[in-house]
Amino acid sequence: MAHFIDRRLNSKGKSTINRQRFLRRYKQQIKKAVSDAVGQRSVTDLESGEQVSIPTRDISEPVFHTGKGGQREAVHPGNDQFVTGDRIDRPPQGQGGPGDGEASNQGEGQDDFVFSISKDEYLDLLFDDLALPNLQKNQFDKVIDYETYRAGYQTDGVPSNLDIVRSLKGSVSRRIALTGKDKRRLRELEEELRALKADKHENTLAILELESEINALKAKIAKVPFIDTFDLRFKNYDKRPVPTSKAVMFCLMDVSGSMDQTTKDMAKRFYILLYLFLTRTYENVEVVYIRHHTQAKEVDEHEFFYSQETGGTIVSSALRLMDEIVAQRYRDANWNIYAAQASDGDNWADDSPFCKDLLLNSLLPVTRYFAYIEITERQHQSLWREYQTVEAATDNFVCKHVQSVSDIYPVFRELFARSEQTAQSGG
């Protein structure tokens, strides 16, 4: 019988398999803890690991124990301090527990279970079940995306890929090939032995000789093992290139004077989540950064997040610049074009209808998905009303309202939740 031993090394003495099993079992509680932690982090600390706290009641395991009732005998250890009838003093105040605060005359409990998750585990949970909507795979771009498919069998592999039925068929074929001739000879000898024993004449010597030959043949056949390593067949998997995606994400951020520092930080938090999501989930997604006040400008990643430039507000300048960039660099119909816009909704009133026309006539016909978040605690203004008209008229434009930091991550998940159509297409 073959024995398989997993000798993979675990980092820093930790049990990787048990850890993965724990993360799978308590995935919902951990995801909730991660979601709560996102809003409490600083803008520059969104991608590090996390300390996760789970209530002890949520990780309790079912146990079997002896029920009450019946007659049982048990021997308990004695002590040299108390005898029957002694009263045990209450512990001194302040030594009964590790916590601080006022005393209570009721209730009991245990501390929460706290453990650390790594950066990779944190980001996996953060972006679980998210995907770019309406993504179409239609290009062999750089041939880096592969799919795994069955490619016959091989004689070695990992235990999980062992094909039991195919291995047993090989075992039967091998035993037939090695013992077929001997089994036919064995049947002939046994038939001769029965004939000799049925004969009334004296055939003692012949019978002994036949029995000796039969026993030798049986021993030879028995030496052939039921299954051998030669019989083992493992499922073979290979990879082949599949159509991959060419996608570009336009990030449009309002940096006008009406956007105070708190509002800008909330917008940056949204875009950092978007950037981490794109770079972690997709291999070849280009990102175009556009900042705007009265004028729009394409900038690099550092300037997008850290530039102090400000001014008035003309939102259409960013949409016009995006339209120009699409016409110049992404005219190929195979590109999947996405956009995410963040603003406080403050815009020159005469410009808002022009923004609606740009979206309906120029951008949305070539865009897979356009997401707009408005970060404000004030009443919505003309830009929001025009954008709601666009949302009602199209199915690839979405508006969301954000009022506080705690709204960012839930809104982000709503915007990029994996739909059934996306899951079926493999996106």
Protein backbone atom coordinates (compact mmCIF):
# COMPACT_ATOMS: atom_id res chain seq x y z
CA MET A 1 0.00 0.00 0.00
CA ALA A 2 1.37 3.43 -0.95
CA HIS A 3 1.64 6.16 1.72
CA PHE A 4 1.74 9.82 0.71
CA ILE A 5 3.31 12.32 3.10
CA ASP A 6 2.89 16.08 2.70
CA ARG A 7 6.35 17.52 3.38
CA ARG A 8 5.69 21.07 2.21
CA LEU A 9 7.36 23.58 4.49
CA ASN A 10 5.25 26.09 6.39
CA SER A 11 6.50 29.62 6.91
CA LYS A 12 7.73 30.47 10.41
CA GLY A 13 6.46 27.25 11.87
CA LYS A 14 2.82 28.01 11.12
CA SER A 15 0.36 25.42 9.89
CA THR A 16 -0.56 26.73 6.45
CA ILE A 17 -3.23 24.07 5.83
CA ASN A 18 -4.98 24.71 9.16
CA ARG A 19 -4.81 28.46 8.57
CA GLN A 20 -6.40 28.17 5.13
CA ARG A 21 -9.11 25.92 6.57
CA PHE A 22 -9.80 28.46 9.32
CA LEU A 23 -10.06 31.33 6.80
CA ARG A 24 -12.51 29.33 4.69
CA ARG A 25 -14.65 28.30 7.66
CA TYR A 26 -15.01 31.79 9.13
CA LYS A 27 -14.91 33.70 5.85
CA GLN A 28 -18.11 35.67 6.50
CA GLN A 29 -17.05 36.86 9.96
CA ILE A 30 -13.58 37.78 8.68
CA LYS A 31 -15.00 39.65 5.65
CA LYS A 32 -17.24 41.66 7.96
CA ALA A 33 -14.27 42.53 10.19
CA VAL A 34 -12.23 43.55 7.12
CA SER A 35 -15.10 45.70 5.81
CA ASP A 36 -15.36 47.47 9.16
CA ALA A 37 -11.59 48.04 9.23
CA VAL A 38 -11.42 49.71 5.79
CA GLY A 39 -13.19 52.85 6.94
CA GLN A 40 -10.89 53.24 9.94
CA ARG A 41 -7.63 53.16 7.99
CA SER A 42 -5.68 56.11 6.69
CA VAL A 43 -5.55 56.74 2.93
CA THR A 44 -1.91 55.62 2.76
CA ASP A 45 -2.47 52.42 4.77
CA LEU A 46 -5.19 50.66 2.80
CA GLU A 47 -3.10 47.75 1.51
CA SER A 48 -1.29 46.42 4.59
CA GLY A 49 -2.38 43.43 6.70
CA GLU A 50 -5.00 43.61 9.42
CA GLN A 51 -5.72 42.50 12.99
CA VAL A 52 -9.07 40.70 12.85
CA SER A 53 -11.23 40.22 15.93
CA ILE A 54 -13.96 37.55 15.98
CA PRO A 55 -16.37 37.06 18.92
CA THR A 56 -15.62 33.82 20.71
CA ARG A 57 -19.23 32.66 20.33
CA ASP A 58 -18.79 32.67 16.54
CA ILE A 59 -15.90 30.17 16.60
CA SER A 60 -17.38 27.66 19.03
CA GLU A 61 -17.20 24.05 17.88
CA PRO A 62 -19.80 21.31 18.47
CA VAL A 63 -18.63 18.72 21.02
CA PHE A 64 -19.79 15.35 22.30
CA HIS A 65 -20.04 14.87 26.05
CA THR A 66 -21.58 12.47 28.50
CA GLY A 67 -25.16 13.33 29.31
CA LYS A 68 -26.53 13.65 32.82
CA GLY A 69 -28.28 10.77 34.50
CA GLY A 70 -27.49 7.19 35.32
CA GLN A 71 -25.18 5.86 37.99
CA ARG A 72 -21.51 6.65 37.67
CA GLU A 73 -18.55 6.20 39.95
CA ALA A 74 -15.59 8.56 39.84
CA VAL A 75 -12.49 9.07 41.94
CA HIS A 76 -11.44 12.71 42.44
CA PRO A 77 -8.09 13.89 43.79
CA GLY A 78 -8.14 15.17 47.35
CA ASN A 79 -6.51 18.31 48.81
CA ASP A 80 -4.72 19.36 51.97
CA GLN A 81 -6.50 22.73 52.37
CA PHE A 82 -10.24 22.09 52.62
CA VAL A 83 -12.55 19.53 54.19
CA THR A 84 -16.27 18.95 53.79
CA GLY A 85 -18.27 21.97 54.93
CA ASP A 86 -15.53 24.59 54.50
CA ARG A 87 -16.54 27.88 52.80
CA ILE A 88 -14.27 29.26 50.07
CA ASP A 89 -13.52 32.98 50.31
CA ARG A 90 -14.29 35.24 47.35
CA PRO A 91 -11.12 36.34 45.44
CA PRO A 92 -9.86 39.85 46.33
CA GLN A 93 -11.37 42.66 44.25
CA GLY A 94 -9.43 43.47 41.08
CA GLN A 95 -8.01 39.95 40.58
CA GLY A 96 -11.01 38.34 38.96
CA GLY A 97 -10.42 39.40 35.35
CA PRO A 98 -8.12 41.24 32.94
CA GLY A 99 -10.48 44.08 31.91
CA ASP A 100 -10.97 47.60 33.18
CA GLY A 101 -14.21 49.41 33.94
CA GLU A 102 -17.12 49.33 36.33
CA ALA A 103 -18.15 46.08 37.99
CA SER A 104 -21.37 44.33 36.98
CA ASN A 105 -23.63 42.04 38.98
CA GLN A 106 -24.68 39.92 36.01
CA GLY A 107 -23.47 38.45 32.72
CA GLU A 108 -20.48 36.37 31.69
CA GLY A 109 -18.34 36.06 28.60
CA GLN A 110 -14.93 35.66 27.02
CA ASP A 111 -12.54 37.94 25.21
CA ASP A 112 -12.77 38.12 21.42
CA PHE A 113 -10.47 35.90 19.37
CA VAL A 114 -7.88 38.14 17.68
CA PHE A 115 -5.50 37.06 14.91
CA SER A 116 -3.51 38.67 12.12
CA ILE A 117 -4.02 38.24 8.38
CA SER A 118 -1.34 39.02 5.82
CA LYS A 119 -1.48 41.69 3.11
CA ASP A 120 -2.39 39.12 0.45
CA GLU A 121 -5.13 37.56 2.59
CA TYR A 122 -6.48 41.03 3.42
CA LEU A 123 -6.67 42.09 -0.24
CA ASP A 124 -8.20 38.76 -1.30
CA LEU A 125 -11.00 39.23 1.21
CA LEU A 126 -11.34 42.92 0.36
CA PHE A 127 -11.99 42.27 -3.33
CA ASP A 128 -13.72 38.91 -3.09
CA ASP A 129 -16.61 38.52 -5.59
CA LEU A 130 -15.77 41.77 -7.40
CA ALA A 131 -15.23 42.14 -11.16
CA LEU A 132 -15.27 44.70 -13.94
CA PRO A 133 -18.84 44.72 -15.32
CA ASN A 134 -19.51 43.80 -18.98
CA LEU A 135 -15.89 42.77 -19.59
CA GLN A 136 -15.52 41.03 -22.95
CA LYS A 137 -12.58 38.72 -23.65
CA ASN A 138 -11.80 39.11 -27.31
CA GLN A 139 -8.05 39.41 -27.86
CA PHE A 140 -4.90 37.29 -27.69
CA ASP A 141 -3.00 40.10 -26.02
CA LYS A 142 0.57 39.13 -25.00
CA VAL A 143 -0.66 35.52 -24.54
CA ILE A 144 -0.50 35.59 -20.76
CA ASP A 145 -3.95 34.33 -19.88
CA TYR A 146 -4.31 30.54 -19.84
CA GLU A 147 -7.02 28.03 -19.07
CA THR A 148 -6.42 24.57 -17.65
CA TYR A 149 -7.86 21.58 -19.53
CA ARG A 150 -7.73 17.79 -19.30
CA ALA A 151 -4.93 16.31 -21.39
CA GLY A 152 -5.09 12.55 -20.91
CA TYR A 153 -3.19 10.64 -18.23
CA GLN A 154 0.36 10.36 -16.95
CA THR A 155 2.24 7.83 -14.83
CA ASP A 156 3.16 10.19 -12.00
CA GLY A 157 1.52 13.11 -10.24
CA VAL A 158 0.04 14.32 -6.99
CA PRO A 159 -2.36 12.07 -5.04
CA SER A 160 -5.32 14.39 -5.60
CA ASN A 161 -5.08 13.75 -9.37
CA LEU A 162 -5.06 9.96 -9.06
CA ASP A 163 -7.67 8.34 -11.32
CA ILE A 164 -8.77 5.26 -9.35
CA VAL A 165 -10.84 3.63 -12.10
CA ARG A 166 -8.11 4.00 -14.71
CA SER A 167 -5.50 2.68 -12.25
CA LEU A 168 -7.62 -0.39 -11.44
CA LYS A 169 -8.11 -1.08 -15.15
CA GLY A 170 -4.34 -0.99 -15.55
CA SER A 171 -3.99 -3.36 -12.59
CA VAL A 172 -6.44 -5.85 -14.14
CA SER A 173 -4.67 -5.68 -17.51
CA ARG A 174 -1.24 -6.23 -15.94
CA ARG A 175 -2.42 -9.21 -13.86
CA ILE A 176 -4.09 -10.79 -16.91
CA ALA A 177 -0.91 -10.35 -18.94
CA LEU A 178 1.36 -11.77 -16.23
CA THR A 179 -0.81 -14.62 -14.98
CA GLY A 180 -3.06 -15.52 -17.92
CA LYS A 181 -0.85 -18.33 -19.20
CA ASP A 182 -0.26 -19.72 -15.70
CA LYS A 183 -3.98 -19.66 -14.87
CA ARG A 184 -4.80 -21.58 -18.05
CA ARG A 185 -2.14 -24.17 -17.15
CA LEU A 186 -3.52 -24.27 -13.59
CA ARG A 187 -7.01 -25.08 -14.84
CA GLU A 188 -5.63 -27.86 -17.05
CA LEU A 189 -3.68 -29.41 -14.15
CA GLU A 190 -6.68 -29.22 -11.79
CA GLU A 191 -8.80 -30.96 -14.43
CA GLU A 192 -6.15 -33.70 -14.76
CA LEU A 193 -6.02 -34.05 -10.97
CA ARG A 194 -9.78 -34.51 -10.75
CA ALA A 195 -9.60 -37.14 -13.49
CA LEU A 196 -6.83 -39.05 -11.71
CA LYS A 197 -8.66 -38.97 -8.40
CA ALA A 198 -11.79 -40.27 -10.10
CA ASP A 199 -9.81 -43.14 -11.66
CA LYS A 200 -10.04 -46.41 -9.68
CA HIS A 201 -6.46 -47.36 -10.49
CA GLU A 202 -3.52 -46.53 -8.27
CA ASN A 203 -2.22 -43.05 -9.26
CA THR A 204 -0.60 -41.88 -6.04
CA LEU A 205 2.70 -40.76 -7.54
CA ALA A 206 1.03 -38.92 -10.42
CA ILE A 207 -1.37 -37.19 -8.03
CA LEU A 208 1.47 -36.02 -5.78
CA GLU A 209 3.36 -34.70 -8.77
CA LEU A 210 0.30 -32.80 -10.04
CA GLU A 211 -0.43 -31.36 -6.60
CA SER A 212 3.17 -30.14 -6.31
CA GLU A 213 2.99 -28.44 -9.71
CA ILE A 214 -0.41 -26.91 -8.87
CA ASN A 215 0.90 -25.47 -5.59
CA ALA A 216 3.93 -24.01 -7.39
CA LEU A 217 1.69 -22.34 -9.97
CA LYS A 218 -0.62 -20.93 -7.25
CA ALA A 219 2.39 -19.53 -5.40
CA LYS A 220 3.68 -17.93 -8.60
CA ILE A 221 0.29 -16.34 -9.33
CA ALA A 222 -0.04 -15.08 -5.74
CA LYS A 223 3.28 -13.25 -6.01
CA VAL A 224 1.79 -10.88 -8.61
CA PRO A 225 0.61 -7.83 -6.58
CA PHE A 226 -2.97 -6.64 -6.83
CA ILE A 227 -1.81 -3.11 -7.68
CA ASP A 228 1.63 -1.79 -8.50
CA THR A 229 3.09 1.67 -8.99
CA PHE A 230 3.27 0.74 -12.68
CA ASP A 231 -0.58 0.66 -12.73
CA LEU A 232 -1.11 4.14 -11.29
CA ARG A 233 -2.53 6.69 -13.69
CA PHE A 234 -2.88 10.37 -12.82
CA LYS A 235 -5.08 12.91 -14.54
CA ASN A 236 -2.92 15.18 -16.64
CA TYR A 237 -3.74 18.88 -16.93
CA ASP A 238 -2.22 21.30 -19.40
CA LYS A 239 -2.62 25.00 -20.13
CA ARG A 240 -3.58 26.72 -23.34
CA PRO A 241 -3.93 30.41 -24.16
CA VAL A 242 -7.43 31.84 -24.17
CA PRO A 243 -8.71 35.20 -25.37
CA THR A 244 -7.77 37.77 -22.79
CA SER A 245 -8.91 41.32 -22.23
CA LYS A 246 -7.65 44.71 -23.21
CA ALA A 247 -9.13 47.17 -20.75
CA VAL A 248 -8.55 50.76 -19.72
CA MET A 249 -9.91 52.54 -16.66
CA PHE A 250 -10.32 56.34 -16.70
CA CYS A 251 -10.16 57.93 -13.24
CA LEU A 252 -11.71 61.42 -13.26
CA MET A 253 -11.35 63.43 -10.03
CA ASP A 254 -12.69 66.88 -9.22
CA VAL A 255 -10.01 69.00 -7.49
CA SER A 256 -11.85 72.34 -7.58
CA GLY A 257 -11.98 74.78 -4.69
CA SER A 258 -15.33 73.42 -3.48
CA MET A 259 -13.66 70.08 -2.75
CA ASP A 260 -12.28 70.54 0.78
CA GLN A 261 -9.49 68.33 2.10
CA THR A 262 -11.85 65.84 3.76
CA THR A 263 -13.81 65.37 0.53
CA LYS A 264 -10.59 64.95 -1.48
CA ASP A 265 -9.34 62.35 1.00
CA MET A 266 -12.57 60.39 0.58
CA ALA A 267 -12.23 60.56 -3.21
CA LYS A 268 -8.60 59.39 -2.94
CA ARG A 269 -9.70 56.52 -0.72
CA PHE A 270 -12.15 55.40 -3.42
CA TYR A 271 -9.50 55.61 -6.15
CA ILE A 272 -6.90 53.77 -4.07
CA LEU A 273 -9.39 50.93 -3.58
CA LEU A 274 -10.04 50.97 -7.32
CA TYR A 275 -6.31 50.94 -8.12
CA LEU A 276 -5.62 48.03 -5.74
CA PHE A 277 -8.59 46.13 -7.15
CA LEU A 278 -7.44 46.55 -10.77
CA THR A 279 -3.76 45.75 -10.18
CA ARG A 280 -4.55 42.70 -8.04
CA THR A 281 -7.39 41.20 -10.08
CA TYR A 282 -6.31 41.92 -13.68
CA GLU A 283 -3.00 41.58 -15.47
CA ASN A 284 -3.18 44.17 -18.25
CA VAL A 285 -5.51 46.99 -17.29
CA GLU A 286 -4.28 50.44 -18.23
CA VAL A 287 -5.20 53.34 -15.96
CA VAL A 288 -5.60 56.93 -17.19
CA TYR A 289 -5.66 59.61 -14.48
CA ILE A 290 -7.46 62.93 -15.14
CA ARG A 291 -7.70 65.79 -12.65
CA HIS A 292 -9.94 68.76 -13.37
CA HIS A 293 -11.17 72.11 -12.06
CA THR A 294 -11.99 74.61 -14.82
CA GLN A 295 -9.48 72.78 -17.00
CA ALA A 296 -8.69 69.08 -17.19
CA LYS A 297 -5.25 67.52 -17.38
CA GLU A 298 -3.97 63.97 -17.76
CA VAL A 299 -1.48 63.27 -14.97
CA ASP A 300 0.55 60.40 -13.61
CA GLU A 301 -0.34 58.40 -10.53
CA HIS A 302 1.74 60.49 -8.11
CA GLU A 303 0.36 63.84 -9.30
CA PHE A 304 -3.18 62.47 -9.31
CA PHE A 305 -3.05 61.64 -5.60
CA TYR A 306 -0.73 64.36 -4.26
CA SER A 307 -0.95 67.50 -6.42
CA GLN A 308 -2.29 70.61 -4.62
CA GLU A 309 -3.64 72.34 -7.75
CA THR A 310 -7.18 73.75 -7.46
CA GLY A 311 -9.60 76.22 -9.07
CA GLY A 312 -13.21 76.63 -10.25
CA THR A 313 -15.40 73.81 -11.55
CA ILE A 314 -16.22 72.81 -15.13
CA VAL A 315 -16.85 69.05 -15.12
CA SER A 316 -17.25 68.81 -18.90
CA SER A 317 -13.53 69.60 -19.32
CA ALA A 318 -12.68 66.16 -17.89
CA LEU A 319 -15.27 64.42 -20.06
CA ARG A 320 -14.01 66.19 -23.21
CA LEU A 321 -10.43 65.20 -22.41
CA MET A 322 -11.48 61.59 -21.87
CA ASP A 323 -13.29 61.62 -25.22
CA GLU A 324 -10.14 62.95 -26.95
CA ILE A 325 -7.91 60.31 -25.34
CA VAL A 326 -10.31 57.53 -26.33
CA ALA A 327 -10.31 58.79 -29.94
CA GLN A 328 -6.52 59.01 -30.04
CA ARG A 329 -5.41 55.85 -28.18
CA TYR A 330 -8.34 53.48 -27.72
CA ARG A 331 -10.23 53.60 -31.02
CA ASP A 332 -9.78 49.84 -31.47
CA ALA A 333 -13.16 48.21 -30.86
CA ASN A 334 -11.46 45.43 -28.88
CA TRP A 335 -10.76 47.76 -25.96
CA ASN A 336 -12.96 47.50 -22.87
CA ILE A 337 -13.29 51.11 -21.69
CA TYR A 338 -14.29 51.94 -18.12
CA ALA A 339 -14.55 55.19 -16.19
CA ALA A 340 -14.92 56.21 -12.55
CA GLN A 341 -15.68 59.82 -11.67
CA ALA A 342 -15.68 61.41 -8.19
CA SER A 343 -16.97 64.90 -7.41
CA ASP A 344 -18.80 66.87 -4.75
CA GLY A 345 -21.52 67.69 -7.30
CA ASP A 346 -20.67 71.39 -7.44
CA ASN A 347 -20.56 72.50 -11.09
CA TRP A 348 -21.22 75.57 -13.18
CA ALA A 349 -24.97 75.25 -13.82
CA ASP A 350 -24.77 75.86 -17.59
CA ASP A 351 -22.17 73.10 -17.91
CA SER A 352 -24.23 70.24 -16.44
CA PRO A 353 -26.51 69.76 -19.50
CA PHE A 354 -23.41 69.69 -21.67
CA CYS A 355 -22.00 66.89 -19.46
CA LYS A 356 -25.17 64.88 -20.05
CA ASP A 357 -24.91 65.32 -23.81
CA LEU A 358 -21.24 64.29 -23.82
CA LEU A 359 -22.05 61.13 -21.91
CA LEU A 360 -25.08 60.10 -23.98
CA ASN A 361 -23.69 60.94 -27.42
CA SER A 362 -19.92 60.36 -27.15
CA LEU A 363 -18.70 58.41 -24.12
CA LEU A 364 -21.33 55.85 -23.09
CA PRO A 365 -21.70 54.33 -26.60
CA VAL A 366 -18.03 53.24 -26.43
CA THR A 367 -17.84 52.62 -22.67
CA ARG A 368 -18.55 49.32 -20.97
CA TYR A 369 -19.29 50.91 -17.60
CA PHE A 370 -19.23 54.42 -16.14
CA ALA A 371 -19.47 54.89 -12.36
CA TYR A 372 -20.08 58.24 -10.71
CA ILE A 373 -19.87 58.90 -6.97
CA GLU A 374 -20.96 62.19 -5.47
CA ILE A 375 -19.30 62.98 -2.13
CA THR A 376 -21.39 65.56 -0.31
CA GLU A 377 -23.62 66.13 2.70
CA ARG A 378 -25.45 69.00 0.98
CA GLN A 379 -28.48 68.84 -1.24
CA HIS A 380 -27.82 67.51 -4.74
CA GLN A 381 -27.29 70.11 -7.42
CA SER A 382 -27.73 70.29 -11.20
CA LEU A 383 -24.97 67.78 -12.03
CA TRP A 384 -26.61 65.01 -10.00
CA ARG A 385 -30.00 65.67 -11.60
CA GLU A 386 -28.54 65.50 -15.11
CA TYR A 387 -26.60 62.34 -14.27
CA GLN A 388 -29.73 60.69 -12.90
CA THR A 389 -31.38 61.35 -16.26
CA VAL A 390 -28.46 59.57 -17.92
CA GLU A 391 -28.72 56.64 -15.47
CA ALA A 392 -32.40 56.20 -16.26
CA ALA A 393 -31.73 56.22 -20.02
CA THR A 394 -28.80 53.76 -20.10
CA ASP A 395 -27.76 50.50 -18.48
CA ASN A 396 -23.99 51.12 -18.28
CA PHE A 397 -24.04 54.26 -16.13
CA VAL A 398 -24.44 54.21 -12.33
CA CYS A 399 -24.68 57.06 -9.77
CA LYS A 400 -23.95 56.59 -6.08
CA HIS A 401 -24.08 59.03 -3.17
CA VAL A 402 -21.35 59.03 -0.48
CA GLN A 403 -21.73 61.01 2.72
CA SER A 404 -19.01 59.66 5.00
CA VAL A 405 -15.84 57.57 4.98
CA SER A 406 -17.79 54.51 6.13
CA ASP A 407 -19.84 54.65 2.90
CA ILE A 408 -16.84 54.30 0.56
CA TYR A 409 -16.25 50.55 0.75
CA PRO A 410 -19.95 49.47 0.64
CA VAL A 411 -20.50 51.75 -2.37
CA PHE A 412 -17.36 50.40 -4.02
CA ARG A 413 -18.63 46.82 -3.63
CA GLU A 414 -22.03 47.81 -5.07
CA LEU A 415 -20.39 49.35 -8.12
CA PHE A 416 -18.15 46.38 -8.92
CA ALA A 417 -20.10 43.41 -7.56
CA ARG A 418 -19.70 40.32 -9.72
CA SER A 419 -22.93 39.71 -11.63
CA GLU A 420 -24.18 36.31 -12.86
CA GLN A 421 -23.39 37.30 -16.45
CA THR A 422 -19.81 38.25 -15.49
CA ALA A 423 -19.34 34.99 -13.57
CA GLN A 424 -20.59 32.90 -16.51
CA SER A 425 -18.23 34.65 -18.93
CA GLY A 426 -15.28 33.95 -16.64
CA GLY A 427 -14.55 37.64 -15.93
